[in-house]
N, C-alpha and C. Protein backbone atom coordinates (compact mmCIF):
# COMPACT_ATOMS: atom_id res chain seq x y z
N UNK A 1 218.64 -30.02 -82.90
CA UNK A 1 219.57 -30.48 -83.88
C UNK A 1 220.28 -29.31 -84.55
N UNK A 2 219.55 -28.26 -84.86
CA UNK A 2 220.12 -27.10 -85.55
C UNK A 2 221.30 -26.51 -84.77
N UNK A 3 221.22 -26.52 -83.46
CA UNK A 3 222.28 -25.95 -82.63
C UNK A 3 223.56 -26.76 -82.69
N UNK A 4 223.47 -28.03 -83.05
CA UNK A 4 224.64 -28.89 -83.13
C UNK A 4 225.37 -28.81 -84.47
N UNK A 5 224.77 -28.17 -85.45
CA UNK A 5 225.36 -28.05 -86.78
C UNK A 5 226.26 -26.82 -86.87
N UNK A 6 227.24 -26.84 -87.79
CA UNK A 6 228.08 -25.65 -88.00
C UNK A 6 227.23 -24.48 -88.49
N UNK A 7 227.78 -23.29 -88.41
CA UNK A 7 227.02 -22.08 -88.77
C UNK A 7 226.71 -21.99 -90.27
N UNK A 8 227.27 -22.89 -91.09
CA UNK A 8 226.99 -22.89 -92.52
C UNK A 8 225.58 -23.43 -92.83
N UNK A 9 224.94 -24.04 -91.86
CA UNK A 9 223.63 -24.64 -92.06
C UNK A 9 222.53 -23.73 -91.52
N UNK A 10 221.45 -23.64 -92.28
CA UNK A 10 220.30 -22.86 -91.84
C UNK A 10 219.03 -23.68 -92.05
N UNK A 11 218.02 -23.35 -91.28
CA UNK A 11 216.72 -23.99 -91.45
C UNK A 11 216.03 -23.37 -92.66
N UNK A 12 215.66 -24.20 -93.62
CA UNK A 12 214.94 -23.73 -94.79
C UNK A 12 213.43 -23.81 -94.53
N UNK A 13 213.05 -24.77 -93.72
CA UNK A 13 211.66 -24.97 -93.32
C UNK A 13 211.69 -25.86 -92.08
N UNK A 14 210.53 -26.24 -91.60
CA UNK A 14 210.49 -27.12 -90.43
C UNK A 14 211.15 -28.46 -90.71
N UNK A 15 211.09 -28.90 -91.95
CA UNK A 15 211.57 -30.24 -92.28
C UNK A 15 212.86 -30.25 -93.11
N UNK A 16 213.47 -29.09 -93.33
CA UNK A 16 214.66 -29.05 -94.18
C UNK A 16 215.72 -28.12 -93.60
N UNK A 17 216.95 -28.61 -93.61
CA UNK A 17 218.12 -27.83 -93.22
C UNK A 17 219.06 -27.86 -94.41
N UNK A 18 219.60 -26.69 -94.80
CA UNK A 18 220.51 -26.66 -95.94
C UNK A 18 221.82 -25.99 -95.56
N UNK A 19 222.85 -26.33 -96.29
CA UNK A 19 224.14 -25.67 -96.18
C UNK A 19 224.11 -24.53 -97.19
N UNK A 20 224.00 -23.30 -96.71
CA UNK A 20 223.84 -22.18 -97.64
C UNK A 20 225.09 -21.93 -98.48
N UNK A 21 226.22 -22.48 -98.09
CA UNK A 21 227.44 -22.34 -98.90
C UNK A 21 227.41 -23.24 -100.13
N UNK A 22 226.52 -24.22 -100.16
CA UNK A 22 226.35 -25.11 -101.31
C UNK A 22 225.20 -24.67 -102.20
N UNK A 23 224.72 -23.46 -101.98
CA UNK A 23 223.62 -22.90 -102.75
C UNK A 23 224.11 -22.49 -104.13
N UNK A 24 223.44 -22.96 -105.17
CA UNK A 24 223.79 -22.58 -106.54
C UNK A 24 223.07 -21.29 -106.92
N UNK A 25 221.73 -21.29 -106.74
CA UNK A 25 220.96 -20.07 -107.01
C UNK A 25 219.58 -20.17 -106.36
N UNK A 26 218.90 -19.04 -106.35
CA UNK A 26 217.53 -18.97 -105.82
C UNK A 26 216.58 -18.78 -106.98
N UNK A 27 215.42 -19.39 -106.89
CA UNK A 27 214.42 -19.27 -107.94
C UNK A 27 213.15 -18.70 -107.32
N UNK A 28 212.71 -17.56 -107.82
CA UNK A 28 211.46 -16.95 -107.36
C UNK A 28 210.30 -17.64 -108.07
N UNK A 29 209.32 -18.04 -107.31
CA UNK A 29 208.14 -18.69 -107.87
C UNK A 29 207.02 -17.67 -108.00
N UNK A 30 206.05 -17.97 -108.86
CA UNK A 30 204.96 -17.04 -109.11
C UNK A 30 204.11 -16.76 -107.88
N UNK A 31 204.04 -17.72 -106.96
CA UNK A 31 203.20 -17.54 -105.78
C UNK A 31 203.92 -16.79 -104.66
N UNK A 32 205.13 -16.28 -104.92
CA UNK A 32 205.87 -15.51 -103.93
C UNK A 32 206.85 -16.32 -103.11
N UNK A 33 206.85 -17.62 -103.29
CA UNK A 33 207.79 -18.47 -102.57
C UNK A 33 209.15 -18.46 -103.26
N UNK A 34 210.15 -18.96 -102.57
CA UNK A 34 211.50 -19.05 -103.11
C UNK A 34 211.98 -20.49 -102.99
N UNK A 35 212.56 -21.00 -104.07
CA UNK A 35 213.21 -22.30 -104.06
C UNK A 35 214.71 -22.08 -104.04
N UNK A 36 215.40 -22.82 -103.22
CA UNK A 36 216.86 -22.81 -103.20
C UNK A 36 217.32 -24.00 -104.04
N UNK A 37 218.12 -23.73 -105.05
CA UNK A 37 218.67 -24.79 -105.89
C UNK A 37 220.12 -24.99 -105.43
N UNK A 38 220.40 -26.18 -104.95
CA UNK A 38 221.73 -26.48 -104.43
C UNK A 38 222.66 -26.93 -105.56
N UNK A 39 223.94 -26.99 -105.29
CA UNK A 39 224.92 -27.39 -106.29
C UNK A 39 224.66 -28.78 -106.86
N UNK A 40 224.06 -29.66 -106.08
CA UNK A 40 223.76 -31.01 -106.55
C UNK A 40 222.38 -31.09 -107.22
N UNK A 41 221.81 -29.94 -107.57
CA UNK A 41 220.56 -29.79 -108.33
C UNK A 41 219.31 -30.18 -107.54
N UNK A 42 219.39 -30.25 -106.23
CA UNK A 42 218.22 -30.51 -105.40
C UNK A 42 217.50 -29.19 -105.14
N UNK A 43 216.17 -29.19 -105.30
CA UNK A 43 215.34 -28.03 -105.01
C UNK A 43 214.81 -28.13 -103.59
N UNK A 44 214.95 -27.06 -102.84
CA UNK A 44 214.41 -27.01 -101.47
C UNK A 44 213.60 -25.73 -101.36
N UNK A 45 212.33 -25.88 -101.01
CA UNK A 45 211.50 -24.70 -100.85
C UNK A 45 211.82 -24.03 -99.53
N UNK A 46 212.02 -22.71 -99.58
CA UNK A 46 212.33 -21.93 -98.39
C UNK A 46 211.01 -21.43 -97.80
N UNK A 47 210.82 -21.70 -96.54
CA UNK A 47 209.62 -21.24 -95.84
C UNK A 47 209.61 -19.71 -95.80
N UNK A 48 208.46 -19.12 -95.90
CA UNK A 48 208.37 -17.66 -95.86
C UNK A 48 208.95 -17.10 -94.57
N UNK A 49 208.82 -17.84 -93.50
CA UNK A 49 209.36 -17.39 -92.21
C UNK A 49 210.88 -17.46 -92.16
N UNK A 50 211.49 -18.24 -93.03
CA UNK A 50 212.94 -18.43 -93.01
C UNK A 50 213.68 -17.61 -94.07
N UNK A 51 212.95 -16.93 -94.94
CA UNK A 51 213.58 -16.14 -96.01
C UNK A 51 214.47 -15.05 -95.43
N UNK A 52 214.03 -14.39 -94.39
CA UNK A 52 214.81 -13.32 -93.78
C UNK A 52 216.16 -13.83 -93.30
N UNK A 53 216.17 -14.99 -92.64
CA UNK A 53 217.43 -15.57 -92.15
C UNK A 53 218.37 -15.89 -93.30
N UNK A 54 217.84 -16.43 -94.39
CA UNK A 54 218.67 -16.75 -95.55
C UNK A 54 219.26 -15.49 -96.15
N UNK A 55 218.47 -14.45 -96.29
CA UNK A 55 218.97 -13.19 -96.85
C UNK A 55 220.07 -12.60 -95.97
N UNK A 56 219.93 -12.70 -94.67
CA UNK A 56 220.97 -12.19 -93.77
C UNK A 56 222.27 -12.96 -93.94
N UNK A 57 222.19 -14.27 -94.06
CA UNK A 57 223.39 -15.09 -94.25
C UNK A 57 224.07 -14.78 -95.57
N UNK A 58 223.27 -14.49 -96.60
CA UNK A 58 223.82 -14.21 -97.93
C UNK A 58 224.25 -12.75 -98.09
N UNK A 59 223.91 -11.92 -97.12
CA UNK A 59 224.27 -10.51 -97.19
C UNK A 59 223.39 -9.72 -98.14
N UNK A 60 222.15 -10.14 -98.28
CA UNK A 60 221.20 -9.43 -99.17
C UNK A 60 220.29 -8.53 -98.38
């Protein structure tokens, strides 16, 4: 499914795909995880394995 989506979408975890262009901000959690807060105020936890991909897309 991921291959059929435009390049604006990334896998956040096994069960979540997000449009990183609709990202409002990232929230660092105390346990080392990261939550992506989207423009519509939905929280999506980013898998530790997917953080690198998100940072590359954001240019961080």
